[in-house]
Amino acid sequence: MGGRHRRNPHPAFAQAAEAIPEHYKDLYFDAARAGRTDLLEGMIKDGMPIDDRESHGYTALILAAYDGQLDAVRLLLTKGAAPCAVDNKGDSALMGVAFKGGTQIAQLLIERCGVNATNKSGQTAAMMATLFGHQDIIRLLAAHGANLGVSDAMGNTAVSLARQQGNAQIEALIVELEANGDAALVNPSQRYW
């Protein structure tokens, strides 16, 4: 028996193009949350669709980024995961990491996705970083051209959200970034100084 030996797919995928069993999908998403690169790599190799989604529309990459799993994010990106995919609310992995924090993961995603993307409510990653006081991510987004003056569906901007949160430090940072030209402005009349 010469030639190449082709590996048989995992038993979960043995049936033609039938649906992947839910317990196998659950294991895949749990592996992403936990940063289990060994499981992720094996499951992808065995045929798990890398950008499969769970009921909220989360991909493994969105979950790994949100949970701060840097090695899992790197693996998924290397294996071809869609870096800019969004969940059912229109939130991307970058928005999730802006919400939770994680500068290294944010950097990986910023290199691949637009920093001014909005979710279904018109919110940006910069707005999410503002709400949770992640100065490092706000600076990183601004350095990559984030528009800190954009308004969401409720009329909020990053600086107005900082003000509503009573976070004078973040408000001052955003005003400084805008004044220094480190961030684009959609509406220059919305300057707050």
N, C-alpha and C. Protein backbone atom coordinates (compact mmCIF):
# COMPACT_ATOMS: atom_id res chain seq x y z
N MET A 1 0.84 -1.18 0.00
CA MET A 1 0.00 0.00 0.00
C MET A 1 0.88 1.24 0.00
N GLY A 2 1.16 1.76 -1.15
CA GLY A 2 1.97 2.97 -1.26
C GLY A 2 1.09 4.18 -1.33
N GLY A 3 1.73 5.30 -1.48
CA GLY A 3 1.00 6.55 -1.64
C GLY A 3 0.65 7.19 -0.31
N ARG A 4 -0.13 8.19 -0.40
CA ARG A 4 -0.51 8.95 0.79
C ARG A 4 -1.70 8.32 1.49
N HIS A 5 -1.67 8.37 2.80
CA HIS A 5 -2.79 7.88 3.59
C HIS A 5 -3.60 9.09 4.04
N ARG A 6 -4.85 9.11 3.71
CA ARG A 6 -5.71 10.21 4.11
C ARG A 6 -6.37 9.85 5.43
N ARG A 7 -6.29 10.76 6.37
CA ARG A 7 -6.86 10.53 7.70
C ARG A 7 -8.38 10.54 7.63
N ASN A 8 -9.00 9.59 8.30
CA ASN A 8 -10.46 9.56 8.36
C ASN A 8 -10.95 10.65 9.29
N PRO A 9 -12.05 11.28 8.95
CA PRO A 9 -12.57 12.32 9.83
C PRO A 9 -13.03 11.74 11.16
N HIS A 10 -13.10 12.59 12.15
CA HIS A 10 -13.60 12.20 13.47
C HIS A 10 -14.98 11.58 13.31
N PRO A 11 -15.33 10.61 14.16
CA PRO A 11 -16.64 9.98 14.05
C PRO A 11 -17.80 10.96 14.07
N ALA A 12 -17.61 12.10 14.72
CA ALA A 12 -18.69 13.09 14.75
C ALA A 12 -18.99 13.60 13.35
N PHE A 13 -18.04 13.48 12.42
CA PHE A 13 -18.22 13.97 11.07
C PHE A 13 -18.35 12.84 10.06
N ALA A 14 -18.45 11.60 10.53
CA ALA A 14 -18.48 10.45 9.64
C ALA A 14 -19.71 10.45 8.73
N GLN A 15 -20.81 10.93 9.22
CA GLN A 15 -22.01 11.01 8.39
C GLN A 15 -21.80 12.09 7.35
N ALA A 16 -22.17 11.86 6.14
CA ALA A 16 -21.95 12.78 5.02
C ALA A 16 -21.88 14.23 5.47
N ALA A 17 -22.77 15.06 5.03
CA ALA A 17 -22.72 16.48 5.37
C ALA A 17 -23.79 16.80 6.42
N GLU A 18 -24.05 15.85 7.29
CA GLU A 18 -25.07 16.06 8.31
C GLU A 18 -24.57 17.02 9.38
N ALA A 19 -25.49 17.51 10.16
CA ALA A 19 -25.17 18.48 11.20
C ALA A 19 -24.19 17.90 12.22
N ILE A 20 -23.35 18.76 12.71
CA ILE A 20 -22.40 18.38 13.75
C ILE A 20 -23.18 18.24 15.05
N PRO A 21 -22.94 17.18 15.81
CA PRO A 21 -23.68 17.00 17.07
C PRO A 21 -23.47 18.19 18.02
N GLU A 22 -24.53 18.57 18.69
CA GLU A 22 -24.48 19.73 19.58
C GLU A 22 -23.44 19.57 20.69
N HIS A 23 -23.28 18.38 21.22
CA HIS A 23 -22.29 18.21 22.29
C HIS A 23 -20.87 18.46 21.77
N TYR A 24 -20.63 18.15 20.51
CA TYR A 24 -19.31 18.39 19.92
C TYR A 24 -19.10 19.90 19.73
N LYS A 25 -20.15 20.58 19.27
CA LYS A 25 -20.08 22.04 19.14
C LYS A 25 -19.84 22.69 20.50
N ASP A 26 -20.57 22.21 21.51
CA ASP A 26 -20.40 22.77 22.87
C ASP A 26 -18.96 22.61 23.34
N LEU A 27 -18.37 21.46 23.08
CA LEU A 27 -16.98 21.21 23.46
C LEU A 27 -16.05 22.18 22.74
N TYR A 28 -16.31 22.43 21.47
CA TYR A 28 -15.51 23.36 20.68
C TYR A 28 -15.56 24.77 21.27
N PHE A 29 -16.75 25.25 21.57
CA PHE A 29 -16.89 26.60 22.12
C PHE A 29 -16.33 26.68 23.54
N ASP A 30 -16.50 25.63 24.33
CA ASP A 30 -15.89 25.60 25.67
C ASP A 30 -14.36 25.62 25.57
N ALA A 31 -13.82 24.92 24.60
CA ALA A 31 -12.36 24.92 24.39
C ALA A 31 -11.86 26.32 24.05
N ALA A 32 -12.63 27.06 23.26
CA ALA A 32 -12.25 28.44 22.92
C ALA A 32 -12.26 29.32 24.16
N ARG A 33 -13.32 29.20 24.96
CA ARG A 33 -13.42 30.00 26.19
C ARG A 33 -12.28 29.71 27.15
N ALA A 34 -11.88 28.45 27.22
CA ALA A 34 -10.85 28.02 28.17
C ALA A 34 -9.44 28.13 27.61
N GLY A 35 -9.32 28.47 26.33
CA GLY A 35 -8.00 28.58 25.73
C GLY A 35 -7.34 27.24 25.46
N ARG A 36 -8.11 26.21 25.29
CA ARG A 36 -7.58 24.86 25.05
C ARG A 36 -7.18 24.72 23.59
N THR A 37 -6.00 25.19 23.27
CA THR A 37 -5.52 25.15 21.90
C THR A 37 -5.36 23.72 21.39
N ASP A 38 -5.04 22.80 22.29
CA ASP A 38 -4.91 21.40 21.88
C ASP A 38 -6.23 20.86 21.34
N LEU A 39 -7.31 21.14 22.05
CA LEU A 39 -8.63 20.68 21.60
C LEU A 39 -9.07 21.42 20.34
N LEU A 40 -8.88 22.73 20.32
CA LEU A 40 -9.29 23.51 19.15
C LEU A 40 -8.58 23.00 17.89
N GLU A 41 -7.27 22.83 18.00
CA GLU A 41 -6.50 22.39 16.84
C GLU A 41 -6.96 21.02 16.36
N GLY A 42 -7.16 20.10 17.29
CA GLY A 42 -7.62 18.76 16.92
C GLY A 42 -9.00 18.76 16.30
N MET A 43 -9.90 19.54 16.85
CA MET A 43 -11.26 19.58 16.33
C MET A 43 -11.31 20.22 14.94
N ILE A 44 -10.52 21.27 14.74
CA ILE A 44 -10.45 21.90 13.43
C ILE A 44 -9.85 20.93 12.41
N LYS A 45 -8.81 20.24 12.82
CA LYS A 45 -8.17 19.24 11.95
C LYS A 45 -9.15 18.14 11.58
N ASP A 46 -10.02 17.79 12.51
CA ASP A 46 -11.00 16.74 12.27
C ASP A 46 -12.23 17.21 11.51
N GLY A 47 -12.25 18.49 11.14
CA GLY A 47 -13.34 18.97 10.29
C GLY A 47 -14.32 19.93 10.91
N MET A 48 -14.11 20.34 12.14
CA MET A 48 -15.01 21.32 12.75
C MET A 48 -14.89 22.64 11.98
N PRO A 49 -15.99 23.17 11.49
CA PRO A 49 -15.91 24.46 10.78
C PRO A 49 -15.42 25.55 11.73
N ILE A 50 -14.32 26.18 11.39
CA ILE A 50 -13.65 27.11 12.30
C ILE A 50 -14.54 28.27 12.72
N ASP A 51 -15.42 28.71 11.83
CA ASP A 51 -16.28 29.86 12.13
C ASP A 51 -17.72 29.45 12.43
N ASP A 52 -17.89 28.21 12.89
CA ASP A 52 -19.23 27.78 13.29
C ASP A 52 -19.72 28.70 14.40
N ARG A 53 -21.01 28.80 14.57
CA ARG A 53 -21.60 29.72 15.55
C ARG A 53 -22.50 28.99 16.52
N GLU A 54 -22.50 29.50 17.75
CA GLU A 54 -23.44 28.97 18.73
C GLU A 54 -24.70 29.84 18.68
N SER A 55 -25.64 29.62 19.59
CA SER A 55 -26.97 30.24 19.49
C SER A 55 -26.98 31.77 19.52
N HIS A 56 -25.98 32.40 20.12
CA HIS A 56 -25.91 33.87 20.15
C HIS A 56 -25.12 34.43 18.98
N GLY A 57 -24.65 33.54 18.12
CA GLY A 57 -23.87 33.95 16.97
C GLY A 57 -22.39 34.07 17.24
N TYR A 58 -21.97 33.67 18.44
CA TYR A 58 -20.54 33.75 18.78
C TYR A 58 -19.76 32.68 18.02
N THR A 59 -18.62 33.09 17.49
CA THR A 59 -17.67 32.14 16.92
C THR A 59 -16.66 31.80 18.00
N ALA A 60 -15.84 30.80 17.74
CA ALA A 60 -14.79 30.44 18.70
C ALA A 60 -13.85 31.62 18.90
N LEU A 61 -13.56 32.37 17.84
CA LEU A 61 -12.67 33.53 17.96
C LEU A 61 -13.28 34.61 18.85
N ILE A 62 -14.54 34.89 18.68
CA ILE A 62 -15.21 35.90 19.53
C ILE A 62 -15.12 35.47 20.99
N LEU A 63 -15.38 34.21 21.27
CA LEU A 63 -15.34 33.71 22.65
C LEU A 63 -13.93 33.74 23.22
N ALA A 64 -12.96 33.30 22.45
CA ALA A 64 -11.58 33.29 22.94
C ALA A 64 -11.09 34.71 23.21
N ALA A 65 -11.42 35.64 22.33
CA ALA A 65 -11.00 37.04 22.53
C ALA A 65 -11.66 37.62 23.77
N TYR A 66 -12.95 37.41 23.93
CA TYR A 66 -13.69 37.95 25.07
C TYR A 66 -13.13 37.41 26.39
N ASP A 67 -12.73 36.14 26.38
CA ASP A 67 -12.22 35.52 27.60
C ASP A 67 -10.71 35.66 27.76
N GLY A 68 -10.10 36.48 26.92
CA GLY A 68 -8.68 36.79 27.10
C GLY A 68 -7.73 35.66 26.79
N GLN A 69 -8.11 34.77 25.91
CA GLN A 69 -7.31 33.60 25.58
C GLN A 69 -6.40 33.89 24.38
N LEU A 70 -5.28 34.56 24.65
CA LEU A 70 -4.37 35.01 23.61
C LEU A 70 -3.88 33.88 22.70
N ASP A 71 -3.44 32.77 23.28
CA ASP A 71 -2.93 31.66 22.46
C ASP A 71 -4.03 31.08 21.57
N ALA A 72 -5.23 30.99 22.09
CA ALA A 72 -6.34 30.47 21.29
C ALA A 72 -6.68 31.44 20.16
N VAL A 73 -6.64 32.74 20.45
CA VAL A 73 -6.89 33.73 19.40
C VAL A 73 -5.84 33.60 18.30
N ARG A 74 -4.59 33.49 18.69
CA ARG A 74 -3.51 33.33 17.70
C ARG A 74 -3.73 32.08 16.84
N LEU A 75 -4.04 30.96 17.49
CA LEU A 75 -4.26 29.72 16.76
C LEU A 75 -5.42 29.86 15.78
N LEU A 76 -6.54 30.38 16.25
CA LEU A 76 -7.72 30.51 15.40
C LEU A 76 -7.45 31.42 14.21
N LEU A 77 -6.74 32.52 14.44
CA LEU A 77 -6.40 33.41 13.33
C LEU A 77 -5.47 32.72 12.34
N THR A 78 -4.50 31.98 12.86
CA THR A 78 -3.56 31.25 12.01
C THR A 78 -4.29 30.20 11.16
N LYS A 79 -5.30 29.58 11.74
CA LYS A 79 -6.05 28.54 11.04
C LYS A 79 -7.10 29.11 10.09
N GLY A 80 -7.26 30.44 10.08
CA GLY A 80 -8.16 31.06 9.12
C GLY A 80 -9.49 31.55 9.65
N ALA A 81 -9.62 31.69 10.95
CA ALA A 81 -10.88 32.22 11.50
C ALA A 81 -11.12 33.63 10.97
N ALA A 82 -12.36 33.96 10.73
CA ALA A 82 -12.73 35.29 10.24
C ALA A 82 -12.56 36.29 11.39
N PRO A 83 -11.58 37.18 11.30
CA PRO A 83 -11.29 38.08 12.42
C PRO A 83 -12.36 39.13 12.67
N CYS A 84 -13.15 39.44 11.66
CA CYS A 84 -14.13 40.52 11.79
C CYS A 84 -15.57 40.01 11.87
N ALA A 85 -15.74 38.71 12.07
CA ALA A 85 -17.08 38.14 12.18
C ALA A 85 -17.82 38.79 13.35
N VAL A 86 -19.14 38.89 13.24
CA VAL A 86 -19.94 39.49 14.30
C VAL A 86 -20.99 38.51 14.80
N ASP A 87 -21.42 38.74 16.04
CA ASP A 87 -22.47 37.91 16.63
C ASP A 87 -23.85 38.44 16.24
N ASN A 88 -24.88 37.91 16.85
CA ASN A 88 -26.25 38.29 16.51
C ASN A 88 -26.57 39.76 16.79
N LYS A 89 -25.81 40.41 17.65
CA LYS A 89 -26.00 41.83 17.96
C LYS A 89 -25.08 42.72 17.16
N GLY A 90 -24.25 42.10 16.33
CA GLY A 90 -23.32 42.86 15.51
C GLY A 90 -21.99 43.15 16.19
N ASP A 91 -21.75 42.54 17.35
CA ASP A 91 -20.49 42.74 18.07
C ASP A 91 -19.42 41.81 17.53
N SER A 92 -18.22 42.35 17.35
CA SER A 92 -17.09 41.58 16.85
C SER A 92 -16.18 41.15 18.01
N ALA A 93 -15.19 40.35 17.68
CA ALA A 93 -14.19 39.96 18.68
C ALA A 93 -13.48 41.20 19.22
N LEU A 94 -13.19 42.17 18.36
CA LEU A 94 -12.53 43.40 18.80
C LEU A 94 -13.41 44.16 19.79
N MET A 95 -14.70 44.20 19.55
CA MET A 95 -15.60 44.86 20.49
C MET A 95 -15.63 44.13 21.82
N GLY A 96 -15.60 42.80 21.77
CA GLY A 96 -15.58 42.02 23.00
C GLY A 96 -14.34 42.26 23.82
N VAL A 97 -13.19 42.34 23.17
CA VAL A 97 -11.94 42.57 23.90
C VAL A 97 -11.87 44.02 24.38
N ALA A 98 -12.48 44.95 23.66
CA ALA A 98 -12.54 46.34 24.13
C ALA A 98 -13.40 46.43 25.39
N PHE A 99 -14.44 45.63 25.46
CA PHE A 99 -15.34 45.55 26.61
C PHE A 99 -14.63 44.96 27.82
N LYS A 100 -13.92 43.85 27.60
CA LYS A 100 -13.28 43.12 28.70
C LYS A 100 -11.86 43.56 29.01
N GLY A 101 -11.15 44.10 28.03
CA GLY A 101 -9.75 44.44 28.20
C GLY A 101 -8.88 43.36 27.59
N GLY A 102 -7.66 43.72 27.26
CA GLY A 102 -6.73 42.77 26.66
C GLY A 102 -6.03 43.40 25.47
N THR A 103 -5.01 44.15 25.75
CA THR A 103 -4.33 44.93 24.72
C THR A 103 -3.68 44.06 23.65
N GLN A 104 -3.06 42.95 24.03
CA GLN A 104 -2.39 42.10 23.04
C GLN A 104 -3.39 41.52 22.04
N ILE A 105 -4.52 41.08 22.53
CA ILE A 105 -5.54 40.53 21.64
C ILE A 105 -6.11 41.66 20.78
N ALA A 106 -6.35 42.81 21.38
CA ALA A 106 -6.85 43.95 20.61
C ALA A 106 -5.90 44.27 19.46
N GLN A 107 -4.60 44.26 19.73
CA GLN A 107 -3.62 44.55 18.69
C GLN A 107 -3.72 43.56 17.54
N LEU A 108 -3.85 42.28 17.84
CA LEU A 108 -3.98 41.26 16.79
C LEU A 108 -5.21 41.51 15.92
N LEU A 109 -6.29 41.91 16.55
CA LEU A 109 -7.54 42.11 15.81
C LEU A 109 -7.55 43.43 15.05
N ILE A 110 -6.97 44.47 15.64
CA ILE A 110 -6.91 45.78 14.97
C ILE A 110 -6.12 45.66 13.67
N GLU A 111 -5.12 44.81 13.66
CA GLU A 111 -4.32 44.62 12.45
C GLU A 111 -5.12 43.99 11.32
N ARG A 112 -6.28 43.42 11.63
CA ARG A 112 -7.06 42.68 10.64
C ARG A 112 -8.45 43.25 10.39
N CYS A 113 -8.93 44.11 11.27
CA CYS A 113 -10.31 44.61 11.17
C CYS A 113 -10.35 46.13 11.28
N GLY A 114 -11.38 46.70 10.73
CA GLY A 114 -11.57 48.14 10.84
C GLY A 114 -11.89 48.54 12.27
N VAL A 115 -11.27 49.62 12.72
CA VAL A 115 -11.48 50.08 14.10
C VAL A 115 -12.76 50.87 14.26
N ASN A 116 -13.42 51.22 13.18
CA ASN A 116 -14.63 52.04 13.26
C ASN A 116 -15.91 51.26 12.96
N ALA A 117 -15.82 49.95 12.94
CA ALA A 117 -17.01 49.13 12.71
C ALA A 117 -18.00 49.36 13.84
N THR A 118 -19.28 49.29 13.52
CA THR A 118 -20.32 49.49 14.53
C THR A 118 -21.20 48.25 14.63
N ASN A 119 -21.77 48.05 15.82
CA ASN A 119 -22.72 46.96 16.00
C ASN A 119 -24.12 47.46 15.62
N LYS A 120 -25.14 46.67 15.88
CA LYS A 120 -26.50 47.03 15.48
C LYS A 120 -27.05 48.25 16.23
N SER A 121 -26.39 48.62 17.33
CA SER A 121 -26.78 49.82 18.09
C SER A 121 -25.92 51.02 17.73
N GLY A 122 -25.04 50.84 16.76
CA GLY A 122 -24.17 51.92 16.34
C GLY A 122 -22.96 52.13 17.23
N GLN A 123 -22.71 51.22 18.15
CA GLN A 123 -21.58 51.35 19.07
C GLN A 123 -20.30 50.81 18.44
N THR A 124 -19.19 51.43 18.81
CA THR A 124 -17.87 51.05 18.31
C THR A 124 -17.07 50.39 19.43
N ALA A 125 -15.94 49.82 19.06
CA ALA A 125 -15.02 49.25 20.05
C ALA A 125 -14.54 50.34 21.00
N ALA A 126 -14.31 51.54 20.49
CA ALA A 126 -13.86 52.65 21.35
C ALA A 126 -14.91 52.99 22.40
N MET A 127 -16.17 52.93 22.04
CA MET A 127 -17.23 53.19 23.01
C MET A 127 -17.23 52.12 24.10
N MET A 128 -17.02 50.89 23.71
CA MET A 128 -17.00 49.80 24.71
C MET A 128 -15.79 49.94 25.63
N ALA A 129 -14.66 50.28 25.08
CA ALA A 129 -13.47 50.50 25.91
C ALA A 129 -13.70 51.68 26.86
N THR A 130 -14.40 52.68 26.39
CA THR A 130 -14.72 53.86 27.21
C THR A 130 -15.60 53.46 28.39
N LEU A 131 -16.63 52.69 28.13
CA LEU A 131 -17.57 52.29 29.18
C LEU A 131 -16.89 51.55 30.32
N PHE A 132 -15.81 50.83 30.00
CA PHE A 132 -15.17 50.01 31.02
C PHE A 132 -13.77 50.49 31.38
N GLY A 133 -13.47 51.73 30.98
CA GLY A 133 -12.25 52.39 31.44
C GLY A 133 -10.94 51.81 30.95
N HIS A 134 -10.94 51.23 29.77
CA HIS A 134 -9.72 50.61 29.23
C HIS A 134 -8.92 51.64 28.43
N GLN A 135 -8.15 52.45 29.15
CA GLN A 135 -7.37 53.52 28.52
C GLN A 135 -6.41 52.99 27.47
N ASP A 136 -5.74 51.88 27.76
CA ASP A 136 -4.77 51.33 26.81
C ASP A 136 -5.42 50.97 25.49
N ILE A 137 -6.62 50.44 25.54
CA ILE A 137 -7.31 50.07 24.31
C ILE A 137 -7.82 51.31 23.59
N ILE A 138 -8.30 52.30 24.33
CA ILE A 138 -8.71 53.56 23.69
C ILE A 138 -7.53 54.18 22.95
N ARG A 139 -6.38 54.22 23.60
CA ARG A 139 -5.18 54.77 22.95
C ARG A 139 -4.80 53.97 21.70
N LEU A 140 -4.85 52.66 21.80
CA LEU A 140 -4.51 51.79 20.69
C LEU A 140 -5.46 52.00 19.52
N LEU A 141 -6.75 52.06 19.81
CA LEU A 141 -7.75 52.29 18.77
C LEU A 141 -7.53 53.65 18.11
N ALA A 142 -7.31 54.68 18.93
CA ALA A 142 -7.08 56.03 18.40
C ALA A 142 -5.84 56.07 17.52
N ALA A 143 -4.80 55.38 17.93
CA ALA A 143 -3.56 55.34 17.15
C ALA A 143 -3.76 54.67 15.80
N HIS A 144 -4.80 53.85 15.69
CA HIS A 144 -5.11 53.17 14.44
C HIS A 144 -6.29 53.82 13.71
N GLY A 145 -6.61 55.05 14.08
CA GLY A 145 -7.61 55.81 13.33
C GLY A 145 -9.04 55.70 13.83
N ALA A 146 -9.24 55.24 15.05
CA ALA A 146 -10.62 55.16 15.57
C ALA A 146 -11.26 56.54 15.60
N ASN A 147 -12.49 56.58 15.20
CA ASN A 147 -13.25 57.81 15.20
C ASN A 147 -13.96 57.93 16.55
N LEU A 148 -13.40 58.71 17.44
CA LEU A 148 -13.95 58.85 18.79
C LEU A 148 -15.15 59.77 18.84
N GLY A 149 -15.44 60.45 17.75
CA GLY A 149 -16.56 61.37 17.71
C GLY A 149 -17.82 60.80 17.11
N VAL A 150 -17.80 59.57 16.67
CA VAL A 150 -18.98 58.96 16.06
C VAL A 150 -20.07 58.78 17.12
N SER A 151 -21.34 58.92 16.71
CA SER A 151 -22.47 58.76 17.61
C SER A 151 -23.16 57.43 17.37
N ASP A 152 -23.60 56.81 18.47
CA ASP A 152 -24.36 55.57 18.33
C ASP A 152 -25.84 55.90 18.09
N ALA A 153 -26.68 54.89 18.06
CA ALA A 153 -28.11 55.07 17.77
C ALA A 153 -28.82 55.94 18.81
N MET A 154 -28.26 56.05 19.99
CA MET A 154 -28.86 56.88 21.05
C MET A 154 -28.24 58.28 21.09
N GLY A 155 -27.30 58.55 20.18
CA GLY A 155 -26.65 59.85 20.13
C GLY A 155 -25.42 59.98 21.02
N ASN A 156 -24.99 58.89 21.61
CA ASN A 156 -23.81 58.91 22.48
C ASN A 156 -22.52 58.84 21.67
N THR A 157 -21.51 59.55 22.16
CA THR A 157 -20.15 59.43 21.64
C THR A 157 -19.30 58.84 22.76
N ALA A 158 -18.05 58.55 22.46
CA ALA A 158 -17.16 58.02 23.49
C ALA A 158 -17.04 59.01 24.64
N VAL A 159 -16.87 60.28 24.35
CA VAL A 159 -16.70 61.26 25.42
C VAL A 159 -17.99 61.45 26.22
N SER A 160 -19.14 61.42 25.57
CA SER A 160 -20.39 61.55 26.33
C SER A 160 -20.64 60.33 27.21
N LEU A 161 -20.21 59.16 26.75
CA LEU A 161 -20.33 57.95 27.59
C LEU A 161 -19.42 58.05 28.81
N ALA A 162 -18.21 58.54 28.61
CA ALA A 162 -17.30 58.72 29.74
C ALA A 162 -17.90 59.70 30.75
N ARG A 163 -18.49 60.75 30.25
CA ARG A 163 -19.12 61.75 31.13
C ARG A 163 -20.29 61.12 31.89
N GLN A 164 -21.13 60.36 31.20
CA GLN A 164 -22.28 59.69 31.85
C GLN A 164 -21.81 58.71 32.92
N GLN A 165 -20.67 58.09 32.71
CA GLN A 165 -20.12 57.14 33.68
C GLN A 165 -19.44 57.86 34.84
N GLY A 166 -19.27 59.17 34.71
CA GLY A 166 -18.57 59.92 35.75
C GLY A 166 -17.07 59.63 35.74
N ASN A 167 -16.56 59.24 34.58
CA ASN A 167 -15.15 58.89 34.47
C ASN A 167 -14.39 60.05 33.83
N ALA A 168 -13.99 61.01 34.67
CA ALA A 168 -13.31 62.21 34.20
C ALA A 168 -11.97 61.88 33.56
N GLN A 169 -11.30 60.85 34.04
CA GLN A 169 -10.00 60.47 33.49
C GLN A 169 -10.13 60.01 32.03
N ILE A 170 -11.11 59.19 31.75
CA ILE A 170 -11.33 58.71 30.39
C ILE A 170 -11.83 59.86 29.52
N GLU A 171 -12.71 60.68 30.05
CA GLU A 171 -13.20 61.84 29.30
C GLU A 171 -12.02 62.73 28.89
N ALA A 172 -11.13 63.02 29.83
CA ALA A 172 -9.97 63.86 29.54
C ALA A 172 -9.05 63.21 28.50
N LEU A 173 -8.88 61.91 28.58
CA LEU A 173 -8.05 61.20 27.61
C LEU A 173 -8.63 61.35 26.20
N ILE A 174 -9.92 61.14 26.07
CA ILE A 174 -10.56 61.23 24.75
C ILE A 174 -10.46 62.65 24.20
N VAL A 175 -10.71 63.63 25.04
CA VAL A 175 -10.60 65.02 24.61
C VAL A 175 -9.17 65.31 24.16
N GLU A 176 -8.20 64.82 24.91
CA GLU A 176 -6.79 65.01 24.55
C GLU A 176 -6.45 64.35 23.22
N LEU A 177 -6.91 63.12 23.02
CA LEU A 177 -6.65 62.41 21.78
C LEU A 177 -7.27 63.15 20.59
N GLU A 178 -8.48 63.65 20.78
CA GLU A 178 -9.14 64.39 19.71
C GLU A 178 -8.41 65.70 19.43
N ALA A 179 -7.99 66.39 20.48
CA ALA A 179 -7.31 67.68 20.33
C ALA A 179 -5.96 67.53 19.65
N ASN A 180 -5.29 66.43 19.91
CA ASN A 180 -3.98 66.18 19.32
C ASN A 180 -4.07 65.61 17.92
N GLY A 181 -5.29 65.40 17.44
CA GLY A 181 -5.45 64.83 16.11
C GLY A 181 -5.16 63.35 16.06
N ASP A 182 -5.14 62.70 17.21
CA ASP A 182 -4.85 61.27 17.25
C ASP A 182 -6.09 60.42 16.99
N ALA A 183 -7.21 61.08 16.80
CA ALA A 183 -8.44 60.35 16.51
C ALA A 183 -9.25 61.15 15.51
N ALA A 184 -9.87 60.46 14.60
CA ALA A 184 -10.70 61.13 13.60
C ALA A 184 -12.01 61.59 14.23
N LEU A 185 -12.58 62.61 13.67
CA LEU A 185 -13.86 63.12 14.14
C LEU A 185 -14.87 63.09 13.00
N VAL A 186 -16.02 62.51 13.25
CA VAL A 186 -17.08 62.55 12.25
C VAL A 186 -17.70 63.94 12.24
N ASN A 187 -17.92 64.48 13.42
CA ASN A 187 -18.60 65.76 13.55
C ASN A 187 -17.76 66.69 14.41
N PRO A 188 -16.93 67.53 13.79
CA PRO A 188 -16.05 68.41 14.55
C PRO A 188 -16.82 69.37 15.48
N SER A 189 -18.09 69.59 15.25
CA SER A 189 -18.85 70.48 16.13
C SER A 189 -19.12 69.84 17.48
N GLN A 190 -18.82 68.55 17.63
CA GLN A 190 -19.05 67.87 18.90
C GLN A 190 -17.83 67.88 19.80
N ARG A 191 -16.92 68.80 19.62
CA ARG A 191 -15.78 68.90 20.50
C ARG A 191 -16.27 69.36 21.87
N TYR A 192 -15.61 68.85 22.91
CA TYR A 192 -16.09 69.09 24.26
C TYR A 192 -15.11 69.91 25.10
N TRP A 193 -14.44 70.85 24.51
CA TRP A 193 -13.54 71.72 25.27
C TRP A 193 -13.72 73.15 24.88
